[in-house]
Amino acid sequence: MPIQPLPFEIQIFELEKKIEELKKVSELSDESLSKEIENLEKKLEQVKASIYKSLTPQQKVMVARHPNRPYTLDFVKYIFEDFVELHGDRLFRDDPAIVCGLAKLDGEPVTIVGHQKGKNTKDNIYRNFGMAHPEGYRKALRVFQLAEKFRRPIITFVDTPGAFPGIEAEERGQAEAIARNLKEMAGLTVPMITIITGEGGSGGALAIAMGNRVLMLEHAIYAVISPEGCASILWKDASYADKAAEALKLTAQDLLKLKIIDEIIKEPLGGAHRDHLETAKNVKYAIRKHLNELLAMSPEKLFEDRYIKYRNMGVFAEAK
């Protein structure tokens, strides 16, 4: 799939196009254009670094939503071995918006749960744009319980605008499904690592995100509501999304300062959508590092570690 330029990436795409054209001309003629190509490639790297070093919160929202970003099944392909997908919640149906399964990480058994968006319109409709119904969260819960039973570490990948808000989801108990997942995750005694890879939207994200360690890709976002939704509520106008994105403190950098997440995973220059393999290598390194620490803990210590982590979030002041 060709990479679609974001509004602030026009200069990057113009340089890439010019480099591609010069390479084609060089191949078709005897004239060497290697020096010109080399100079343009250096300029391209400088432009990418300059643009991505100073992204606004709303620009990071655009990057996090980029249709070419890697999704759960991409990370499964590049990081894990022997993946076997598990389907269904044993109550209603299988929800393709959440992918669950068993795999190995460098030979060690692990359990995978993650949101899955589509790569094209047809696939997005099938995956419901990564917005899970209650049965998706109940499928995740079933797999969490399986991991607990067989003492397998859990790795979750979060990338959703939020839980599906349709009438049928409400009829089948969307709020209850999310609340129950939170309760059950809090009591797990196996290691759990969560990676926010794109959008971490509201309870739909949190329902599979209560890890002992929560990591975020450099340009991912994580918030209680989308900037557009927040703007519509506070200012009755979605066009104030830029202002809302700033106020929500939804970037990985903001959330690390607030101690909501534990680590920022570096993305390739120009964003994860430009290099899935390099992104996956960085994610694997982070998973391996934190998993080694968690595997050294007893079940009781893992439970306590998660409890303390979430109890320590936020601050309050008592009025005098």
C-alpha atoms as a PDB file:
ATOM      1  CA  MET A   1       0.000   0.000   0.000  1.00  0.00           C
ATOM      2  CA  PRO A   2       1.501   3.412  -0.983  1.00  0.00           C
ATOM      3  CA  ILE A   3       2.153   5.710   1.967  1.00  0.00           C
ATOM      4  CA  GLN A   4      -0.335   8.569   2.096  1.00  0.00           C
ATOM      5  CA  PRO A   5       1.179  11.987   2.912  1.00  0.00           C
ATOM      6  CA  LEU A   6      -0.100  13.850   5.949  1.00  0.00           C
ATOM      7  CA  PRO A   7      -0.629  17.633   5.537  1.00  0.00           C
ATOM      8  CA  PHE A   8       2.673  18.486   7.248  1.00  0.00           C
ATOM      9  CA  GLU A   9       4.627  15.868   5.255  1.00  0.00           C
ATOM     10  CA  ILE A  10       4.312  17.496   1.819  1.00  0.00           C
ATOM     11  CA  GLN A  11       7.958  18.625   1.753  1.00  0.00           C
ATOM     12  CA  ILE A  12       9.067  15.095   2.662  1.00  0.00           C
ATOM     13  CA  PHE A  13       7.056  13.574  -0.161  1.00  0.00           C
ATOM     14  CA  GLU A  14       8.269  16.126  -2.703  1.00  0.00           C
ATOM     15  CA  LEU A  15      11.889  15.304  -1.846  1.00  0.00           C
ATOM     16  CA  GLU A  16      11.211  11.547  -1.980  1.00  0.00           C
ATOM     17  CA  LYS A  17       9.556  11.951  -5.376  1.00  0.00           C
ATOM     18  CA  LYS A  18      12.501  13.949  -6.714  1.00  0.00           C
ATOM     19  CA  ILE A  19      14.989  11.345  -5.439  1.00  0.00           C
ATOM     20  CA  GLU A  20      12.970   8.568  -7.084  1.00  0.00           C
ATOM     21  CA  GLU A  21      12.884  10.450 -10.379  1.00  0.00           C
ATOM     22  CA  LEU A  22      16.645  11.058 -10.333  1.00  0.00           C
ATOM     23  CA  LYS A  23      17.282   7.367  -9.628  1.00  0.00           C
ATOM     24  CA  LYS A  24      15.154   6.392 -12.629  1.00  0.00           C
ATOM     25  CA  VAL A  25      16.944   8.889 -14.870  1.00  0.00           C
ATOM     26  CA  SER A  26      20.301   7.585 -13.639  1.00  0.00           C
ATOM     27  CA  GLU A  27      19.308   3.988 -14.439  1.00  0.00           C
ATOM     28  CA  LEU A  28      18.124   4.870 -17.951  1.00  0.00           C
ATOM     29  CA  SER A  29      21.134   6.962 -18.941  1.00  0.00           C
ATOM     30  CA  ASP A  30      24.892   6.802 -18.691  1.00  0.00           C
ATOM     31  CA  GLU A  31      24.960   9.979 -16.657  1.00  0.00           C
ATOM     32  CA  SER A  32      25.798   9.496 -12.984  1.00  0.00           C
ATOM     33  CA  LEU A  33      23.569  11.459 -10.640  1.00  0.00           C
ATOM     34  CA  SER A  34      24.842   9.832  -7.454  1.00  0.00           C
ATOM     35  CA  LYS A  35      26.121  13.104  -5.964  1.00  0.00           C
ATOM     36  CA  GLU A  36      22.817  14.901  -6.520  1.00  0.00           C
ATOM     37  CA  ILE A  37      20.907  11.924  -5.116  1.00  0.00           C
ATOM     38  CA  GLU A  38      23.182  11.743  -2.079  1.00  0.00           C
ATOM     39  CA  ASN A  39      22.701  15.463  -1.356  1.00  0.00           C
ATOM     40  CA  LEU A  40      18.920  15.164  -1.653  1.00  0.00           C
ATOM     41  CA  GLU A  41      18.868  12.106   0.631  1.00  0.00           C
ATOM     42  CA  LYS A  42      20.812  14.044   3.269  1.00  0.00           C
ATOM     43  CA  LYS A  43      18.375  16.922   2.939  1.00  0.00           C
ATOM     44  CA  LEU A  44      15.449  14.496   3.225  1.00  0.00           C
ATOM     45  CA  GLU A  45      16.787  13.112   6.512  1.00  0.00           C
ATOM     46  CA  GLN A  46      17.249  16.636   7.863  1.00  0.00           C
ATOM     47  CA  VAL A  47      13.713  17.642   6.868  1.00  0.00           C
ATOM     48  CA  LYS A  48      12.210  14.496   8.431  1.00  0.00           C
ATOM     49  CA  ALA A  49      14.138  15.078  11.660  1.00  0.00           C
ATOM     50  CA  SER A  50      13.100  18.742  11.778  1.00  0.00           C
ATOM     51  CA  ILE A  51       9.386  18.040  11.158  1.00  0.00           C
ATOM     52  CA  TYR A  52       9.057  15.037  13.481  1.00  0.00           C
ATOM     53  CA  LYS A  53      11.024  16.683  16.282  1.00  0.00           C
ATOM     54  CA  SER A  54       8.447  19.463  16.586  1.00  0.00           C
ATOM     55  CA  LEU A  55       5.085  17.771  15.990  1.00  0.00           C
ATOM     56  CA  THR A  56       2.113  19.358  17.751  1.00  0.00           C
ATOM     57  CA  PRO A  57      -0.242  17.102  19.757  1.00  0.00           C
ATOM     58  CA  GLN A  58      -2.821  17.221  16.935  1.00  0.00           C
ATOM     59  CA  GLN A  59      -0.164  16.295  14.361  1.00  0.00           C
ATOM     60  CA  LYS A  60       0.750  13.321  16.554  1.00  0.00           C
ATOM     61  CA  VAL A  61      -2.931  12.348  16.467  1.00  0.00           C
ATOM     62  CA  MET A  62      -2.687  12.285  12.663  1.00  0.00           C
ATOM     63  CA  VAL A  63       0.459  10.138  12.771  1.00  0.00           C
ATOM     64  CA  ALA A  64      -1.110   7.749  15.303  1.00  0.00           C
ATOM     65  CA  ARG A  65      -4.098   7.293  12.963  1.00  0.00           C
ATOM     66  CA  HIS A  66      -2.036   6.859   9.791  1.00  0.00           C
ATOM     67  CA  PRO A  67      -3.508   3.944   7.786  1.00  0.00           C
ATOM     68  CA  ASN A  68      -0.031   2.572   7.051  1.00  0.00           C
ATOM     69  CA  ARG A  69       0.965   2.141  10.700  1.00  0.00           C
ATOM     70  CA  PRO A  70       1.671  -1.437  11.803  1.00  0.00           C
ATOM     71  CA  TYR A  71      -1.195  -3.225  13.556  1.00  0.00           C
ATOM     72  CA  THR A  72      -1.269  -6.216  15.919  1.00  0.00           C
ATOM     73  CA  LEU A  73      -0.927  -8.874  13.203  1.00  0.00           C
ATOM     74  CA  ASP A  74       2.077  -7.006  11.759  1.00  0.00           C
ATOM     75  CA  PHE A  75       3.817  -7.110  15.132  1.00  0.00           C
ATOM     76  CA  VAL A  76       2.897 -10.780  15.492  1.00  0.00           C
ATOM     77  CA  LYS A  77       4.508 -11.509  12.118  1.00  0.00           C
ATOM     78  CA  TYR A  78       7.764  -9.683  12.895  1.00  0.00           C
ATOM     79  CA  ILE A  79       8.214 -10.401  16.618  1.00  0.00           C
ATOM     80  CA  PHE A  80       6.706 -13.782  17.526  1.00  0.00           C
ATOM     81  CA  GLU A  81       6.848 -17.376  16.313  1.00  0.00           C
ATOM     82  CA  ASP A  82       4.266 -20.165  16.074  1.00  0.00           C
ATOM     83  CA  PHE A  83       1.244 -17.880  16.444  1.00  0.00           C
ATOM     84  CA  VAL A  84      -2.077 -19.712  16.795  1.00  0.00           C
ATOM     85  CA  GLU A  85      -5.155 -17.475  16.769  1.00  0.00           C
ATOM     86  CA  LEU A  86      -7.995 -18.193  19.210  1.00  0.00           C
ATOM     87  CA  HIS A  87     -11.524 -17.228  18.220  1.00  0.00           C
ATOM     88  CA  GLY A  88     -14.812 -16.482  19.962  1.00  0.00           C
ATOM     89  CA  ASP A  89     -16.004 -15.503  23.411  1.00  0.00           C
ATOM     90  CA  ARG A  90     -18.013 -18.744  23.933  1.00  0.00           C
ATOM     91  CA  LEU A  91     -21.107 -16.582  24.451  1.00  0.00           C
ATOM     92  CA  PHE A  92     -22.079 -14.800  21.240  1.00  0.00           C
ATOM     93  CA  ARG A  93     -19.548 -14.687  18.357  1.00  0.00           C
ATOM     94  CA  ASP A  94     -15.986 -13.956  17.300  1.00  0.00           C
ATOM     95  CA  ASP A  95     -15.120 -10.244  17.106  1.00  0.00           C
ATOM     96  CA  PRO A  96     -12.464  -9.537  14.418  1.00  0.00           C
ATOM     97  CA  ALA A  97     -11.705  -6.120  15.967  1.00  0.00           C
ATOM     98  CA  ILE A  98      -9.670  -7.938  18.635  1.00  0.00           C
ATOM     99  CA  VAL A  99      -7.099 -10.601  17.792  1.00  0.00           C
ATOM    100  CA  CYS A 100      -6.083 -13.145  20.443  1.00  0.00           C
ATOM    101  CA  GLY A 101      -3.753 -16.096  20.338  1.00  0.00           C
ATOM    102  CA  LEU A 102      -0.837 -18.126  21.615  1.00  0.00           C
ATOM    103  CA  ALA A 103       2.712 -17.594  20.383  1.00  0.00           C
ATOM    104  CA  LYS A 104       6.375 -17.832  21.329  1.00  0.00           C
ATOM    105  CA  LEU A 105       8.860 -15.035  21.925  1.00  0.00           C
ATOM    106  CA  ASP A 106      12.355 -16.361  21.308  1.00  0.00           C
ATOM    107  CA  GLY A 107      11.033 -19.811  22.188  1.00  0.00           C
ATOM    108  CA  GLU A 108       9.179 -18.734  25.349  1.00  0.00           C
ATOM    109  CA  PRO A 109       5.363 -19.224  25.432  1.00  0.00           C
ATOM    110  CA  VAL A 110       3.363 -15.983  25.553  1.00  0.00           C
ATOM    111  CA  THR A 111      -0.248 -14.905  25.043  1.00  0.00           C
ATOM    112  CA  ILE A 112      -1.153 -12.158  22.559  1.00  0.00           C
ATOM    113  CA  VAL A 113      -4.206  -9.855  22.658  1.00  0.00           C
ATOM    114  CA  GLY A 114      -4.573  -6.779  20.477  1.00  0.00           C
ATOM    115  CA  HIS A 115      -6.854  -4.486  18.509  1.00  0.00           C
ATOM    116  CA  GLN A 116      -6.797  -5.001  14.758  1.00  0.00           C
ATOM    117  CA  LYS A 117      -7.713  -2.359  12.191  1.00  0.00           C
ATOM    118  CA  GLY A 118      -8.057  -3.047   8.475  1.00  0.00           C
ATOM    119  CA  LYS A 119      -5.602  -2.344   5.667  1.00  0.00           C
ATOM    120  CA  ASN A 120      -8.304  -1.304   3.195  1.00  0.00           C
ATOM    121  CA  THR A 121     -11.995  -0.359   3.172  1.00  0.00           C
ATOM    122  CA  LYS A 122     -13.265  -3.949   2.975  1.00  0.00           C
ATOM    123  CA  ASP A 123     -10.933  -5.097   5.750  1.00  0.00           C
ATOM    124  CA  ASN A 124     -11.792  -2.082   7.908  1.00  0.00           C
ATOM    125  CA  ILE A 125     -15.488  -2.872   7.658  1.00  0.00           C
ATOM    126  CA  TYR A 126     -14.735  -6.486   8.656  1.00  0.00           C
ATOM    127  CA  ARG A 127     -12.574  -5.318  11.584  1.00  0.00           C
ATOM    128  CA  ASN A 128     -15.015  -2.495  12.451  1.00  0.00           C
ATOM    129  CA  PHE A 129     -12.091  -0.028  12.314  1.00  0.00           C
ATOM    130  CA  GLY A 130     -10.607  -1.649  15.429  1.00  0.00           C
ATOM    131  CA  MET A 131     -13.648  -0.794  17.562  1.00  0.00           C
ATOM    132  CA  ALA A 132     -14.585  -3.885  19.554  1.00  0.00           C
ATOM    133  CA  HIS A 133     -18.051  -5.065  20.586  1.00  0.00           C
ATOM    134  CA  PRO A 134     -18.591  -6.609  24.053  1.00  0.00           C
ATOM    135  CA  GLU A 135     -17.820 -10.062  22.653  1.00  0.00           C
ATOM    136  CA  GLY A 136     -14.373  -8.795  21.643  1.00  0.00           C
ATOM    137  CA  TYR A 137     -13.587  -7.871  25.221  1.00  0.00           C
ATOM    138  CA  ARG A 138     -15.098 -11.129  26.481  1.00  0.00           C
ATOM    139  CA  LYS A 139     -12.875 -13.015  24.032  1.00  0.00           C
ATOM    140  CA  ALA A 140      -9.893 -11.114  25.440  1.00  0.00           C
ATOM    141  CA  LEU A 141     -11.019 -11.983  28.972  1.00  0.00           C
ATOM    142  CA  ARG A 142     -11.270 -15.673  28.078  1.00  0.00           C
ATOM    143  CA  VAL A 143      -7.700 -15.569  26.782  1.00  0.00           C
ATOM    144  CA  PHE A 144      -6.477 -13.636  29.865  1.00  0.00           C
ATOM    145  CA  GLN A 145      -7.957 -16.379  32.046  1.00  0.00           C
ATOM    146  CA  LEU A 146      -6.319 -19.027  29.874  1.00  0.00           C
ATOM    147  CA  ALA A 147      -2.964 -17.288  30.289  1.00  0.00           C
ATOM    148  CA  GLU A 148      -3.456 -17.146  34.050  1.00  0.00           C
ATOM    149  CA  LYS A 149      -4.321 -20.858  34.183  1.00  0.00           C
ATOM    150  CA  PHE A 150      -1.245 -21.944  32.214  1.00  0.00           C
ATOM    151  CA  ARG A 151       1.117 -19.276  33.634  1.00  0.00           C
ATOM    152  CA  ARG A 152       1.817 -17.599  30.277  1.00  0.00           C
ATOM    153  CA  PRO A 153       2.917 -13.928  30.123  1.00  0.00           C
ATOM    154  CA  ILE A 154       0.458 -11.614  28.341  1.00  0.00           C
ATOM    155  CA  ILE A 155       1.422  -9.068  25.672  1.00  0.00           C
ATOM    156  CA  THR A 156      -1.309  -6.651  24.548  1.00  0.00           C
ATOM    157  CA  PHE A 157      -1.267  -4.225  21.605  1.00  0.00           C
ATOM    158  CA  VAL A 158      -3.616  -1.242  21.840  1.00  0.00           C
ATOM    159  CA  ASP A 159      -4.813   0.675  18.774  1.00  0.00           C
ATOM    160  CA  THR A 160      -8.473   1.703  18.773  1.00  0.00           C
ATOM    161  CA  PRO A 161     -10.528   4.903  18.513  1.00  0.00           C
ATOM    162  CA  GLY A 162     -12.597   3.404  21.347  1.00  0.00           C
ATOM    163  CA  ALA A 163     -15.097   0.660  22.077  1.00  0.00           C
ATOM    164  CA  PHE A 164     -17.895   0.422  19.497  1.00  0.00           C
ATOM    165  CA  PRO A 165     -20.687   2.828  20.612  1.00  0.00           C
ATOM    166  CA  GLY A 166     -23.556   1.284  18.619  1.00  0.00           C
ATOM    167  CA  ILE A 167     -26.934   0.258  20.036  1.00  0.00           C
ATOM    168  CA  GLU A 168     -26.208  -3.464  19.608  1.00  0.00           C
ATOM    169  CA  ALA A 169     -23.004  -3.121  21.643  1.00  0.00           C
ATOM    170  CA  GLU A 170     -24.921  -1.418  24.441  1.00  0.00           C
ATOM    171  CA  GLU A 171     -27.618  -4.086  24.288  1.00  0.00           C
ATOM    172  CA  ARG A 172     -24.985  -6.793  24.821  1.00  0.00           C
ATOM    173  CA  GLY A 173     -23.375  -5.021  27.776  1.00  0.00           C
ATOM    174  CA  GLN A 174     -20.435  -2.966  26.504  1.00  0.00           C
ATOM    175  CA  ALA A 175     -19.837  -1.180  29.824  1.00  0.00           C
ATOM    176  CA  GLU A 176     -20.074  -4.410  31.827  1.00  0.00           C
ATOM    177  CA  ALA A 177     -17.619  -6.186  29.498  1.00  0.00           C
ATOM    178  CA  ILE A 178     -15.039  -3.410  29.868  1.00  0.00           C
ATOM    179  CA  ALA A 179     -15.539  -3.120  33.642  1.00  0.00           C
ATOM    180  CA  ARG A 180     -15.182  -6.869  34.112  1.00  0.00           C
ATOM    181  CA  ASN A 181     -11.956  -6.911  32.097  1.00  0.00           C
ATOM    182  CA  LEU A 182     -10.528  -4.183  34.330  1.00  0.00           C
ATOM    183  CA  LYS A 183     -11.472  -6.144  37.453  1.00  0.00           C
ATOM    184  CA  GLU A 184     -10.017  -9.414  36.139  1.00  0.00           C
ATOM    185  CA  MET A 185      -6.807  -7.827  34.808  1.00  0.00           C
ATOM    186  CA  ALA A 186      -6.210  -6.220  38.189  1.00  0.00           C
ATOM    187  CA  GLY A 187      -6.114  -9.688  39.747  1.00  0.00           C
ATOM    188  CA  LEU A 188      -3.787 -11.395  37.266  1.00  0.00           C
ATOM    189  CA  THR A 189      -0.668 -13.006  38.713  1.00  0.00           C
ATOM    190  CA  VAL A 190       1.207 -13.431  35.420  1.00  0.00           C
ATOM    191  CA  PRO A 191       3.370 -10.762  33.745  1.00  0.00           C
ATOM    192  CA  MET A 192       1.413  -8.398  31.507  1.00  0.00           C
ATOM    193  CA  ILE A 193       2.981  -5.881  29.128  1.00  0.00           C
ATOM    194  CA  THR A 194       0.867  -3.384  27.168  1.00  0.00           C
ATOM    195  CA  ILE A 195       2.067  -1.453  24.122  1.00  0.00           C
ATOM    196  CA  ILE A 196       0.061   1.527  22.821  1.00  0.00           C
ATOM    197  CA  THR A 197       0.912   1.341  19.116  1.00  0.00           C
ATOM    198  CA  GLY A 198      -1.462   3.909  17.598  1.00  0.00           C
ATOM    199  CA  GLU A 199      -4.656   5.273  19.125  1.00  0.00           C
ATOM    200  CA  GLY A 200      -5.363   4.466  22.747  1.00  0.00           C
ATOM    201  CA  GLY A 201      -8.983   5.538  22.890  1.00  0.00           C
ATOM    202  CA  SER A 202     -10.907   5.648  26.182  1.00  0.00           C
ATOM    203  CA  GLY A 203     -12.276   2.487  27.851  1.00  0.00           C
ATOM    204  CA  GLY A 204     -11.984   0.622  24.571  1.00  0.00           C
ATOM    205  CA  ALA A 205      -8.215   0.844  24.961  1.00  0.00           C
ATOM    206  CA  LEU A 206      -8.074   0.449  28.743  1.00  0.00           C
ATOM    207  CA  ALA A 207     -10.078  -2.808  28.586  1.00  0.00           C
ATOM    208  CA  ILE A 208      -6.931  -4.673  27.446  1.00  0.00           C
ATOM    209  CA  ALA A 209      -4.307  -2.274  28.794  1.00  0.00           C
ATOM    210  CA  MET A 210      -3.849  -2.841  32.532  1.00  0.00           C
ATOM    211  CA  GLY A 211      -0.297  -4.106  32.209  1.00  0.00           C
ATOM    212  CA  ASN A 212       2.439  -4.283  34.817  1.00  0.00           C
ATOM    213  CA  ARG A 213       4.319  -2.227  32.242  1.00  0.00           C
ATOM    214  CA  VAL A 214       2.634   0.137  29.773  1.00  0.00           C
ATOM    215  CA  LEU A 215       4.790   1.236  26.847  1.00  0.00           C
ATOM    216  CA  MET A 216       3.988   3.645  24.007  1.00  0.00           C
ATOM    217  CA  LEU A 217       5.352   4.135  20.539  1.00  0.00           C
ATOM    218  CA  GLU A 218       6.879   7.591  20.166  1.00  0.00           C
ATOM    219  CA  HIS A 219       4.012   9.077  18.126  1.00  0.00           C
ATOM    220  CA  ALA A 220       1.101   7.097  19.604  1.00  0.00           C
ATOM    221  CA  ILE A 221      -1.679   8.737  21.637  1.00  0.00           C
ATOM    222  CA  TYR A 222      -3.604   7.646  24.760  1.00  0.00           C
ATOM    223  CA  ALA A 223      -6.582   9.552  26.168  1.00  0.00           C
ATOM    224  CA  VAL A 224     -10.038   9.286  27.708  1.00  0.00           C
ATOM    225  CA  ILE A 225     -11.639  10.772  24.579  1.00  0.00           C
ATOM    226  CA  SER A 226     -10.682  11.797  21.050  1.00  0.00           C
ATOM    227  CA  PRO A 227      -9.727  15.464  20.506  1.00  0.00           C
ATOM    228  CA  GLU A 228     -12.770  15.878  18.241  1.00  0.00           C
ATOM    229  CA  GLY A 229     -15.095  14.387  20.867  1.00  0.00           C
ATOM    230  CA  CYS A 230     -13.584  16.526  23.601  1.00  0.00           C
ATOM    231  CA  ALA A 231     -13.924  19.684  21.487  1.00  0.00           C
ATOM    232  CA  SER A 232     -17.554  18.863  20.677  1.00  0.00           C
ATOM    233  CA  ILE A 233     -18.366  18.564  24.385  1.00  0.00           C
ATOM    234  CA  LEU A 234     -16.372  21.510  25.750  1.00  0.00           C
ATOM    235  CA  TRP A 235     -16.712  24.030  22.921  1.00  0.00           C
ATOM    236  CA  LYS A 236     -19.636  22.545  20.972  1.00  0.00           C
ATOM    237  CA  ASP A 237     -17.384  22.605  17.911  1.00  0.00           C
ATOM    238  CA  ALA A 238     -15.129  19.769  16.652  1.00  0.00           C
ATOM    239  CA  SER A 239     -12.943  22.296  14.837  1.00  0.00           C
ATOM    240  CA  TYR A 240     -11.346  23.057  18.215  1.00  0.00           C
ATOM    241  CA  ALA A 241      -9.655  19.625  18.100  1.00  0.00           C
ATOM    242  CA  ASP A 242      -6.162  21.197  18.093  1.00  0.00           C
ATOM    243  CA  LYS A 243      -6.941  22.974  21.364  1.00  0.00           C
ATOM    244  CA  ALA A 244      -8.433  19.808  22.843  1.00  0.00           C
ATOM    245  CA  ALA A 245      -5.421  17.692  21.837  1.00  0.00           C
ATOM    246  CA  GLU A 246      -3.153  20.111  23.662  1.00  0.00           C
ATOM    247  CA  ALA A 247      -5.326  20.075  26.792  1.00  0.00           C
ATOM    248  CA  LEU A 248      -5.757  16.287  26.900  1.00  0.00           C
ATOM    249  CA  LYS A 249      -2.005  15.618  27.350  1.00  0.00           C
ATOM    250  CA  LEU A 250      -2.382  12.573  25.110  1.00  0.00           C
ATOM    251  CA  THR A 251       1.143  12.254  23.705  1.00  0.00           C
ATOM    252  CA  ALA A 252       3.635   9.644  24.878  1.00  0.00           C
ATOM    253  CA  GLN A 253       5.922  12.427  26.102  1.00  0.00           C
ATOM    254  CA  ASP A 254       3.174  13.981  28.254  1.00  0.00           C
ATOM    255  CA  LEU A 255       2.082  10.620  29.643  1.00  0.00           C
ATOM    256  CA  LEU A 256       5.622   9.620  30.598  1.00  0.00           C
ATOM    257  CA  LYS A 257       5.954  12.865  32.591  1.00  0.00           C
ATOM    258  CA  LEU A 258       2.626  12.117  34.282  1.00  0.00           C
ATOM    259  CA  LYS A 259       3.830   8.557  35.079  1.00  0.00           C
ATOM    260  CA  ILE A 260       0.893   6.959  33.260  1.00  0.00           C
ATOM    261  CA  ILE A 261       3.252   4.975  31.029  1.00  0.00           C
ATOM    262  CA  ASP A 262       6.634   3.415  31.775  1.00  0.00           C
ATOM    263  CA  GLU A 263       8.617   3.886  28.568  1.00  0.00           C
ATOM    264  CA  ILE A 264       8.517   5.474  25.122  1.00  0.00           C
ATOM    265  CA  ILE A 265       9.551   3.179  22.272  1.00  0.00           C
ATOM    266  CA  LYS A 266      11.397   5.055  19.535  1.00  0.00           C
ATOM    267  CA  GLU A 267       9.917   5.024  16.045  1.00  0.00           C
ATOM    268  CA  PRO A 268      11.908   5.140  12.794  1.00  0.00           C
ATOM    269  CA  LEU A 269      12.547   8.649  11.496  1.00  0.00           C
ATOM    270  CA  GLY A 270       9.326   9.772   9.837  1.00  0.00           C
ATOM    271  CA  GLY A 271       7.041   7.501  11.884  1.00  0.00           C
ATOM    272  CA  ALA A 272       6.260   3.803  12.284  1.00  0.00           C
ATOM    273  CA  HIS A 273       4.221   3.836   9.058  1.00  0.00           C
ATOM    274  CA  ARG A 274       7.467   4.204   7.085  1.00  0.00           C
ATOM    275  CA  ASP A 275       9.270   1.139   8.434  1.00  0.00           C
ATOM    276  CA  HIS A 276       7.316  -1.688  10.053  1.00  0.00           C
ATOM    277  CA  LEU A 277      10.345  -3.932  10.504  1.00  0.00           C
ATOM    278  CA  GLU A 278      12.441  -1.341  12.328  1.00  0.00           C
ATOM    279  CA  THR A 279       9.460  -0.457  14.524  1.00  0.00           C
ATOM    280  CA  ALA A 280       8.914  -4.131  15.366  1.00  0.00           C
ATOM    281  CA  LYS A 281      12.594  -4.539  16.288  1.00  0.00           C
ATOM    282  CA  ASN A 282      12.317  -1.633  18.728  1.00  0.00           C
ATOM    283  CA  VAL A 283       9.092  -3.023  20.192  1.00  0.00           C
ATOM    284  CA  LYS A 284      10.603  -6.493  20.588  1.00  0.00           C
ATOM    285  CA  TYR A 285      13.639  -5.099  22.399  1.00  0.00           C
ATOM    286  CA  ALA A 286      11.384  -3.227  24.855  1.00  0.00           C
ATOM    287  CA  ILE A 287       9.143  -6.258  25.436  1.00  0.00           C
ATOM    288  CA  ARG A 288      12.144  -8.501  26.027  1.00  0.00           C
ATOM    289  CA  LYS A 289      13.701  -6.058  28.520  1.00  0.00           C
ATOM    290  CA  HIS A 290      10.568  -5.614  30.630  1.00  0.00           C
ATOM    291  CA  LEU A 291       9.513  -9.246  30.387  1.00  0.00           C
ATOM    292  CA  ASN A 292      12.867 -10.385  31.792  1.00  0.00           C
ATOM    293  CA  GLU A 293      12.291  -8.121  34.811  1.00  0.00           C
ATOM    294  CA  LEU A 294       8.721  -9.334  35.346  1.00  0.00           C
ATOM    295  CA  LEU A 295       9.552 -13.015  34.953  1.00  0.00           C
ATOM    296  CA  ALA A 296      11.902 -12.705  37.922  1.00  0.00           C
ATOM    297  CA  MET A 297       8.932 -11.755  40.154  1.00  0.00           C
ATOM    298  CA  SER A 298       6.733 -14.206  42.061  1.00  0.00           C
ATOM    299  CA  PRO A 299       2.971 -14.337  41.297  1.00  0.00           C
ATOM    300  CA  GLU A 300       2.292 -12.457  44.535  1.00  0.00           C
ATOM    301  CA  LYS A 301       4.848  -9.782  43.648  1.00  0.00           C
ATOM    302  CA  LEU A 302       3.370  -9.370  40.124  1.00  0.00           C
ATOM    303  CA  PHE A 303      -0.068  -8.788  41.631  1.00  0.00           C
ATOM    304  CA  GLU A 304       1.333  -6.280  44.124  1.00  0.00           C
ATOM    305  CA  ASP A 305       3.406  -4.551  41.407  1.00  0.00           C
ATOM    306  CA  ARG A 306       0.301  -3.943  39.277  1.00  0.00           C
ATOM    307  CA  TYR A 307      -1.749  -2.833  42.296  1.00  0.00           C
ATOM    308  CA  ILE A 308       0.832  -0.273  43.396  1.00  0.00           C
ATOM    309  CA  LYS A 309       1.316   1.006  39.838  1.00  0.00           C
ATOM    310  CA  TYR A 310      -2.337   1.949  39.398  1.00  0.00           C
ATOM    311  CA  ARG A 311      -2.902   3.144  42.970  1.00  0.00           C
ATOM    312  CA  ASN A 312      -0.029   5.629  42.547  1.00  0.00           C
ATOM    313  CA  MET A 313      -1.501   7.272  39.416  1.00  0.00           C
ATOM    314  CA  GLY A 314      -2.749  10.810  39.785  1.00  0.00           C
ATOM    315  CA  VAL A 315      -2.592  13.306  42.631  1.00  0.00           C
ATOM    316  CA  PHE A 316      -5.158  14.944  44.867  1.00  0.00           C
ATOM    317  CA  ALA A 317      -5.282  17.781  47.377  1.00  0.00           C
ATOM    318  CA  GLU A 318      -7.577  18.124  50.341  1.00  0.00           C
ATOM    319  CA  ALA A 319      -9.281  21.468  50.836  1.00  0.00           C
ATOM    320  CA  LYS A 320      -8.360  23.225  54.075  1.00  0.00           C
END
